[in-house]
Amino acid sequence: MAAAAATAATVTKLVLVVVLLMHVSGVLAAAARTLPGEEWLTPEAGGVVRTVVEMLVGSKSNGNDNGHCC
């Protein structure tokens, strides 16, 4: 009887781990999707994010060598 209880506990733990992994993978898959209105974030949209990053980097390096932009 003790062996059956141990086996049942092991199977229960295994099922819980599988359910947890499925939940985590579902959350990650949902987070990776592009939501409506966020198409401009994708590289296929013309690289808007790259343009913004280049503008921000350019604003920080305006020729001053004193460590800040102003």
N, C-alpha and C. Protein backbone atom coordinates (compact mmCIF):
# COMPACT_ATOMS: atom_id res chain seq x y z
N MET A 1 0.82 -1.20 0.00
CA MET A 1 0.00 0.00 0.00
C MET A 1 0.86 1.26 0.00
N ALA A 2 2.02 1.19 0.67
CA ALA A 2 2.90 2.35 0.72
C ALA A 2 3.50 2.63 -0.66
N ALA A 3 3.77 1.57 -1.41
CA ALA A 3 4.34 1.75 -2.74
C ALA A 3 3.32 2.42 -3.67
N ALA A 4 2.07 2.09 -3.53
CA ALA A 4 1.03 2.69 -4.35
C ALA A 4 0.88 4.18 -4.02
N ALA A 5 0.97 4.52 -2.75
CA ALA A 5 0.86 5.92 -2.34
C ALA A 5 2.06 6.72 -2.85
N ALA A 6 3.24 6.12 -2.80
CA ALA A 6 4.43 6.81 -3.30
C ALA A 6 4.34 7.00 -4.81
N THR A 7 3.84 6.00 -5.50
CA THR A 7 3.69 6.11 -6.95
C THR A 7 2.66 7.17 -7.30
N ALA A 8 1.56 7.22 -6.56
CA ALA A 8 0.53 8.23 -6.80
C ALA A 8 1.06 9.63 -6.55
N ALA A 9 1.88 9.79 -5.51
CA ALA A 9 2.46 11.10 -5.21
C ALA A 9 3.42 11.52 -6.31
N THR A 10 4.19 10.58 -6.82
CA THR A 10 5.14 10.88 -7.90
C THR A 10 4.40 11.27 -9.17
N VAL A 11 3.35 10.54 -9.50
CA VAL A 11 2.57 10.86 -10.70
C VAL A 11 1.90 12.22 -10.54
N THR A 12 1.40 12.51 -9.36
CA THR A 12 0.76 13.80 -9.11
C THR A 12 1.75 14.94 -9.30
N LYS A 13 2.96 14.79 -8.77
CA LYS A 13 3.98 15.82 -8.93
C LYS A 13 4.35 16.00 -10.39
N LEU A 14 4.45 14.90 -11.12
CA LEU A 14 4.79 14.96 -12.53
C LEU A 14 3.70 15.69 -13.32
N VAL A 15 2.46 15.40 -13.02
CA VAL A 15 1.34 16.07 -13.69
C VAL A 15 1.35 17.56 -13.38
N LEU A 16 1.63 17.93 -12.14
CA LEU A 16 1.68 19.35 -11.78
C LEU A 16 2.82 20.07 -12.50
N VAL A 17 3.96 19.42 -12.64
CA VAL A 17 5.08 20.03 -13.36
C VAL A 17 4.73 20.23 -14.83
N VAL A 18 4.09 19.25 -15.43
CA VAL A 18 3.70 19.36 -16.83
C VAL A 18 2.68 20.49 -17.02
N VAL A 19 1.72 20.58 -16.13
CA VAL A 19 0.72 21.65 -16.22
C VAL A 19 1.39 23.02 -16.05
N LEU A 20 2.33 23.13 -15.12
CA LEU A 20 3.04 24.38 -14.91
C LEU A 20 3.84 24.77 -16.15
N LEU A 21 4.53 23.81 -16.76
CA LEU A 21 5.31 24.09 -17.97
C LEU A 21 4.40 24.52 -19.12
N MET A 22 3.25 23.89 -19.24
CA MET A 22 2.30 24.29 -20.29
C MET A 22 1.79 25.71 -20.06
N HIS A 23 1.54 26.06 -18.81
CA HIS A 23 1.08 27.39 -18.49
C HIS A 23 2.16 28.43 -18.82
N VAL A 24 3.38 28.16 -18.42
CA VAL A 24 4.48 29.09 -18.68
C VAL A 24 4.69 29.26 -20.18
N SER A 25 4.64 28.16 -20.94
CA SER A 25 4.84 28.27 -22.38
C SER A 25 3.69 29.06 -23.03
N GLY A 26 2.49 28.93 -22.52
CA GLY A 26 1.37 29.71 -23.03
C GLY A 26 1.52 31.19 -22.75
N VAL A 27 2.02 31.52 -21.56
CA VAL A 27 2.24 32.93 -21.22
C VAL A 27 3.33 33.51 -22.11
N LEU A 28 4.40 32.77 -22.32
CA LEU A 28 5.48 33.25 -23.18
C LEU A 28 5.02 33.41 -24.62
N ALA A 29 4.20 32.50 -25.10
CA ALA A 29 3.69 32.60 -26.47
C ALA A 29 2.79 33.82 -26.61
N ALA A 30 1.97 34.10 -25.60
CA ALA A 30 1.09 35.27 -25.65
C ALA A 30 1.89 36.56 -25.58
N ALA A 31 2.96 36.56 -24.82
CA ALA A 31 3.79 37.76 -24.70
C ALA A 31 4.57 38.03 -25.97
N ALA A 32 4.85 37.00 -26.76
CA ALA A 32 5.64 37.17 -27.97
C ALA A 32 4.81 37.64 -29.15
N ARG A 33 3.50 37.57 -29.05
CA ARG A 33 2.64 38.01 -30.16
C ARG A 33 2.63 39.52 -30.26
N THR A 34 2.50 40.01 -31.46
CA THR A 34 2.32 41.44 -31.67
C THR A 34 0.83 41.75 -31.54
N LEU A 35 0.52 42.67 -30.68
CA LEU A 35 -0.87 43.05 -30.45
C LEU A 35 -1.32 44.05 -31.51
N PRO A 36 -2.62 44.18 -31.71
CA PRO A 36 -3.11 45.17 -32.67
C PRO A 36 -2.65 46.58 -32.26
N GLY A 37 -2.15 47.30 -33.22
CA GLY A 37 -1.63 48.64 -32.94
C GLY A 37 -0.14 48.67 -32.70
N GLU A 38 0.49 47.51 -32.61
CA GLU A 38 1.94 47.45 -32.38
C GLU A 38 2.69 47.01 -33.62
N GLU A 39 2.08 47.11 -34.77
CA GLU A 39 2.73 46.68 -35.99
C GLU A 39 3.96 47.52 -36.30
N TRP A 40 3.99 48.75 -35.81
CA TRP A 40 5.12 49.62 -36.07
C TRP A 40 6.38 49.15 -35.37
N LEU A 41 6.25 48.24 -34.41
CA LEU A 41 7.42 47.73 -33.70
C LEU A 41 8.17 46.67 -34.50
N THR A 42 7.52 46.09 -35.47
CA THR A 42 8.15 45.01 -36.22
C THR A 42 9.14 45.56 -37.23
N PRO A 43 10.19 44.80 -37.54
CA PRO A 43 11.18 45.27 -38.52
C PRO A 43 10.58 45.44 -39.92
N GLU A 44 9.52 44.70 -40.24
CA GLU A 44 8.91 44.79 -41.56
C GLU A 44 8.21 46.13 -41.77
N ALA A 45 7.99 46.87 -40.70
CA ALA A 45 7.25 48.13 -40.80
C ALA A 45 8.15 49.30 -41.17
N GLY A 46 9.37 49.04 -41.55
CA GLY A 46 10.25 50.11 -41.97
C GLY A 46 11.30 50.47 -40.95
N GLY A 47 11.40 49.71 -39.90
CA GLY A 47 12.47 49.95 -38.92
C GLY A 47 12.26 51.18 -38.08
N VAL A 48 11.04 51.41 -37.64
CA VAL A 48 10.75 52.60 -36.83
C VAL A 48 11.53 52.56 -35.53
N VAL A 49 11.63 51.39 -34.92
CA VAL A 49 12.35 51.27 -33.65
C VAL A 49 13.82 51.61 -33.87
N ARG A 50 14.41 51.11 -34.95
CA ARG A 50 15.82 51.41 -35.24
C ARG A 50 16.02 52.91 -35.43
N THR A 51 15.08 53.56 -36.10
CA THR A 51 15.18 55.00 -36.33
C THR A 51 15.13 55.76 -35.01
N VAL A 52 14.24 55.37 -34.13
CA VAL A 52 14.13 56.04 -32.83
C VAL A 52 15.39 55.83 -32.01
N VAL A 53 15.92 54.62 -32.01
CA VAL A 53 17.15 54.36 -31.26
C VAL A 53 18.30 55.18 -31.82
N GLU A 54 18.40 55.26 -33.14
CA GLU A 54 19.47 56.06 -33.74
C GLU A 54 19.32 57.54 -33.39
N MET A 55 18.07 58.03 -33.32
CA MET A 55 17.86 59.42 -32.93
C MET A 55 18.28 59.65 -31.49
N LEU A 56 17.94 58.70 -30.61
CA LEU A 56 18.32 58.85 -29.20
C LEU A 56 19.83 58.80 -29.03
N VAL A 57 20.48 57.90 -29.73
CA VAL A 57 21.93 57.80 -29.63
C VAL A 57 22.57 59.06 -30.21
N GLY A 58 22.03 59.55 -31.32
CA GLY A 58 22.55 60.76 -31.93
C GLY A 58 22.39 61.97 -31.04
N SER A 59 21.32 62.04 -30.27
CA SER A 59 21.11 63.18 -29.38
C SER A 59 22.07 63.17 -28.20
N LYS A 60 22.58 62.00 -27.86
CA LYS A 60 23.54 61.91 -26.75
C LYS A 60 24.96 62.21 -27.19
N SER A 61 25.26 62.03 -28.46
CA SER A 61 26.62 62.25 -28.94
C SER A 61 26.63 63.44 -29.89
N ASN A 62 26.55 64.64 -29.34
CA ASN A 62 26.52 65.84 -30.17
C ASN A 62 27.87 66.54 -30.22
N GLY A 63 28.94 65.85 -29.86
CA GLY A 63 30.26 66.44 -29.92
C GLY A 63 30.81 66.84 -28.57
N ASN A 64 29.97 66.90 -27.54
CA ASN A 64 30.48 67.20 -26.21
C ASN A 64 31.20 65.99 -25.66
N ASP A 65 32.36 66.20 -25.14
CA ASP A 65 33.12 65.08 -24.54
C ASP A 65 33.08 65.13 -23.03
N ASN A 66 32.16 65.89 -22.46
CA ASN A 66 32.13 66.02 -21.01
C ASN A 66 31.19 65.00 -20.36
N GLY A 67 30.69 64.04 -21.10
CA GLY A 67 29.96 62.93 -20.50
C GLY A 67 28.45 63.08 -20.46
N HIS A 68 27.92 64.24 -20.85
CA HIS A 68 26.46 64.37 -20.89
C HIS A 68 26.06 65.16 -22.11
N CYS A 69 24.79 65.15 -22.40
CA CYS A 69 24.33 65.70 -23.67
C CYS A 69 24.12 67.19 -23.67
N CYS A 70 24.08 67.86 -22.50
CA CYS A 70 23.70 69.27 -22.46
C CYS A 70 24.88 70.20 -22.26
